[in-house]
Amino acid sequence: MLTDEILARYHMIPLAGYKAMLGNTTETELTFYETFLTQTDYVAAKLSEAAYLGQAPDENYTEVLAARQEAREEINKLKGVQNGI
């Protein structure tokens, strides 16, 4: 889940803040979720590098990985709305 704690860790404001600044639109929501993925892309890279080197990750990234999955699911839903699906 995209909790306030996770968002703060990656220097983001909640979706409501995005909507207040940019408007309550599908594009605003897409921007929010896409920004979250961009802000957390390094997590996937760190995990891949650790796996390649046969090392354990230096942190537990379970929460952020679940949040990234949620963001991808929301993006897919929103893109379906944009495309009339």
C-alpha atoms as a PDB file:
ATOM      1  CA  MET A   1       0.000   0.000   0.000  1.00  0.00           C
ATOM      2  CA  LEU A   2       1.176   3.507  -0.766  1.00  0.00           C
ATOM      3  CA  THR A   3       1.229   4.749   2.800  1.00  0.00           C
ATOM      4  CA  ASP A   4       2.251   8.253   3.814  1.00  0.00           C
ATOM      5  CA  GLU A   5       5.340   6.706   5.432  1.00  0.00           C
ATOM      6  CA  ILE A   6       6.467   5.044   2.202  1.00  0.00           C
ATOM      7  CA  LEU A   7       5.733   8.188   0.192  1.00  0.00           C
ATOM      8  CA  ALA A   8       7.726  10.342   2.632  1.00  0.00           C
ATOM      9  CA  ARG A   9      10.652   7.917   2.476  1.00  0.00           C
ATOM     10  CA  TYR A  10      10.830   8.555  -1.278  1.00  0.00           C
ATOM     11  CA  HIS A  11      10.198  12.316  -1.019  1.00  0.00           C
ATOM     12  CA  MET A  12       6.656  12.279  -2.330  1.00  0.00           C
ATOM     13  CA  ILE A  13       3.410  13.862  -1.229  1.00  0.00           C
ATOM     14  CA  PRO A  14       0.142  11.891  -1.105  1.00  0.00           C
ATOM     15  CA  LEU A  15      -2.140  11.636  -4.125  1.00  0.00           C
ATOM     16  CA  ALA A  16      -4.489  14.210  -2.573  1.00  0.00           C
ATOM     17  CA  GLY A  17      -1.649  16.738  -2.698  1.00  0.00           C
ATOM     18  CA  TYR A  18      -1.068  16.020  -6.391  1.00  0.00           C
ATOM     19  CA  LYS A  19      -4.774  16.476  -7.057  1.00  0.00           C
ATOM     20  CA  ALA A  20      -4.842  19.748  -5.117  1.00  0.00           C
ATOM     21  CA  MET A  21      -1.931  21.098  -7.176  1.00  0.00           C
ATOM     22  CA  LEU A  22      -2.693  19.623 -10.594  1.00  0.00           C
ATOM     23  CA  GLY A  23      -6.431  18.910 -10.577  1.00  0.00           C
ATOM     24  CA  ASN A  24      -8.504  15.809 -10.041  1.00  0.00           C
ATOM     25  CA  THR A  25      -7.842  14.170 -13.412  1.00  0.00           C
ATOM     26  CA  THR A  26      -6.790  10.783 -14.710  1.00  0.00           C
ATOM     27  CA  GLU A  27      -3.566  12.392 -15.964  1.00  0.00           C
ATOM     28  CA  THR A  28      -2.778  13.647 -12.445  1.00  0.00           C
ATOM     29  CA  GLU A  29      -3.243  10.168 -11.007  1.00  0.00           C
ATOM     30  CA  LEU A  30      -1.050   8.677 -13.743  1.00  0.00           C
ATOM     31  CA  THR A  31       1.628  11.262 -12.991  1.00  0.00           C
ATOM     32  CA  PHE A  32       1.500  10.396  -9.283  1.00  0.00           C
ATOM     33  CA  TYR A  33       1.884   6.645  -9.785  1.00  0.00           C
ATOM     34  CA  GLU A  34       4.494   6.996 -12.530  1.00  0.00           C
ATOM     35  CA  THR A  35       6.490   9.369 -10.321  1.00  0.00           C
ATOM     36  CA  PHE A  36       6.381   6.840  -7.490  1.00  0.00           C
ATOM     37  CA  LEU A  37       7.771   4.152  -9.788  1.00  0.00           C
ATOM     38  CA  THR A  38      10.514   6.508 -10.954  1.00  0.00           C
ATOM     39  CA  GLN A  39      11.402   7.438  -7.373  1.00  0.00           C
ATOM     40  CA  THR A  40      11.680   3.766  -6.400  1.00  0.00           C
ATOM     41  CA  ASP A  41      13.315   2.326  -9.536  1.00  0.00           C
ATOM     42  CA  TYR A  42      16.643   2.087  -7.737  1.00  0.00           C
ATOM     43  CA  VAL A  43      15.136  -0.529  -5.383  1.00  0.00           C
ATOM     44  CA  ALA A  44      14.690  -2.979  -8.268  1.00  0.00           C
ATOM     45  CA  ALA A  45      18.238  -2.252  -9.417  1.00  0.00           C
ATOM     46  CA  LYS A  46      19.647  -2.829  -5.910  1.00  0.00           C
ATOM     47  CA  LEU A  47      17.805  -6.135  -5.576  1.00  0.00           C
ATOM     48  CA  SER A  48      18.947  -7.288  -9.012  1.00  0.00           C
ATOM     49  CA  GLU A  49      22.547  -6.380  -8.258  1.00  0.00           C
ATOM     50  CA  ALA A  50      22.453  -8.173  -4.901  1.00  0.00           C
ATOM     51  CA  ALA A  51      20.981 -11.284  -6.536  1.00  0.00           C
ATOM     52  CA  TYR A  52      23.602 -11.191  -9.295  1.00  0.00           C
ATOM     53  CA  LEU A  53      26.385 -10.935  -6.711  1.00  0.00           C
ATOM     54  CA  GLY A  54      24.829 -13.677  -4.575  1.00  0.00           C
ATOM     55  CA  GLN A  55      24.336 -11.285  -1.685  1.00  0.00           C
ATOM     56  CA  ALA A  56      21.381 -10.617   0.565  1.00  0.00           C
ATOM     57  CA  PRO A  57      19.755  -7.205   0.159  1.00  0.00           C
ATOM     58  CA  ASP A  58      20.871  -4.658   2.745  1.00  0.00           C
ATOM     59  CA  GLU A  59      17.240  -3.830   3.638  1.00  0.00           C
ATOM     60  CA  ASN A  60      13.823  -5.433   3.592  1.00  0.00           C
ATOM     61  CA  TYR A  61      12.030  -3.990   0.575  1.00  0.00           C
ATOM     62  CA  THR A  62       8.814  -6.012   0.892  1.00  0.00           C
ATOM     63  CA  GLU A  63       6.638  -2.946   1.549  1.00  0.00           C
ATOM     64  CA  VAL A  64       8.018  -0.877  -1.299  1.00  0.00           C
ATOM     65  CA  LEU A  65       7.796  -3.798  -3.728  1.00  0.00           C
ATOM     66  CA  ALA A  66       4.123  -4.237  -2.809  1.00  0.00           C
ATOM     67  CA  ALA A  67       3.584  -0.492  -3.254  1.00  0.00           C
ATOM     68  CA  ARG A  68       5.289  -0.619  -6.656  1.00  0.00           C
ATOM     69  CA  GLN A  69       2.956  -3.455  -7.682  1.00  0.00           C
ATOM     70  CA  GLU A  70      -0.026  -1.404  -6.521  1.00  0.00           C
ATOM     71  CA  ALA A  71       1.220   1.582  -8.534  1.00  0.00           C
ATOM     72  CA  ARG A  72       1.569  -0.559 -11.688  1.00  0.00           C
ATOM     73  CA  GLU A  73      -1.944  -1.948 -11.201  1.00  0.00           C
ATOM     74  CA  GLU A  74      -3.379   1.566 -10.783  1.00  0.00           C
ATOM     75  CA  ILE A  75      -1.531   2.755 -13.893  1.00  0.00           C
ATOM     76  CA  ASN A  76      -2.966  -0.140 -15.897  1.00  0.00           C
ATOM     77  CA  LYS A  77      -6.486   0.661 -14.658  1.00  0.00           C
ATOM     78  CA  LEU A  78      -6.096   4.368 -15.409  1.00  0.00           C
ATOM     79  CA  LYS A  79      -4.703   3.724 -18.879  1.00  0.00           C
ATOM     80  CA  GLY A  80      -7.696   1.503 -19.518  1.00  0.00           C
ATOM     81  CA  VAL A  81      -9.968   4.402 -18.525  1.00  0.00           C
ATOM     82  CA  GLN A  82      -8.047   6.754 -20.807  1.00  0.00           C
ATOM     83  CA  ASN A  83      -8.395   4.350 -23.691  1.00  0.00           C
ATOM     84  CA  GLY A  84     -12.077   3.726 -23.015  1.00  0.00           C
ATOM     85  CA  ILE A  85     -11.573   0.121 -21.925  1.00  0.00           C
END
